[in-house]
Amino acid sequence: MERILVDTDSGSAQQACVEQALQLARRTGASLRIVEVLPDLPPQARPYLEGRLEGALAAHLTEGLTRLAAGIHDVPVSTALLRGRPSSALIREAVDWKADLLIRSHARDLAEPKPRFGAVDMELLRQCPCPVWLVGPDGLGPARRVLAAVHANPEDALEQRLNHSILELARLVAGETGQLTVTQAWAPFGENLLRHRLSPAELQEYVTQTRDLARTALDALVAEFAGGLGEVTIELLRGEPEDVIPAFVQTHGVDVVVLGTVARGGVAGLLMGNTAERVLQRLHGSVLAVKPPGFQSPLDPEQG
């Protein structure tokens, strides 16, 4: 972890994303780059804001970034005012600056009273090449409880590498004082159909075997990190990811959920399509989403 990109909001009184970035940078020795995006002016606003007023707004935002950076003394920090469509501008900056992590407060582009993940958040989750940490409204303090949601699959090298990235980032976020839980959702394939075709004993044997295989794979994945994860709790959650993960987060007071965004199945694929919408709209706290190795952003010019 060498470069952390922070998307700040000058209109917010509390900068939870900056605070989390600072805590992580102090633990890892990373540099910070604090940015804010000045969106393109809508056509109806151009007659009033173009020219001098637009320049004054840019100067105001730049001054705010400079003032924010001036208060940081123990971490290398730089600032930049970005322009354009927010998600595109942030992804371009992440690519150009070679960021290892992007942090922003989530749901800033929504007016609903309850925090949700907005359009900018979703575009970053789908397209930003580096991990994205969306800090929730209660994310000012240290992350006391961190949940790493994985899908241990020893037969899929790519998915295992993604799992390793999830565990490594979860360890960094938890630090020395946070409580880390590694979890995996599991469900016997075709259980409802087999219920009418197998005896109760045969069905129970199948369910038990499925659970044991999942537990063995999860234990092996965690064991690969040896003592690198520190004290860790392992939990198998029976059910679909979109049901059991939000429920676990709520009942256990999880501060940050770390998970994968793009894969073929399991928890690592839960940020795709309708499943993504169902999960994210039920996770009101902080989420750190990780891309698999080799992910290519459609906005990276080198991949075009």
Foldseek 3Di string as FASTA:
>chain_A
DAEEEEEADLVDPDTLQVLLVVVLCVVVVHAYEYEYEDEDDDPVCCVPCPDPNVVVVVVVVVVSQVVVVVVDDPHHYHYDYFYYDVLLRVLVCCQVVVHQEYEYAAQPVPDDPARFHDPSNLSCLVFRQHKYKHAFPPNNDQFAEEEEEAQQDVVDPQRLQQSVVSLVVSLSSQDPRHAYEYEFEFEQPPLVVCVVVDDPVVSVVSRVVRVVVRVVRVVVSVCVCPCVSPDYHYYYHYDACLPGVLVCCVVVVGAEYEEEDDDDDGRNPQCDDPSVNSNRRSDRGMYIYGYTPPDHGPSNPVVD
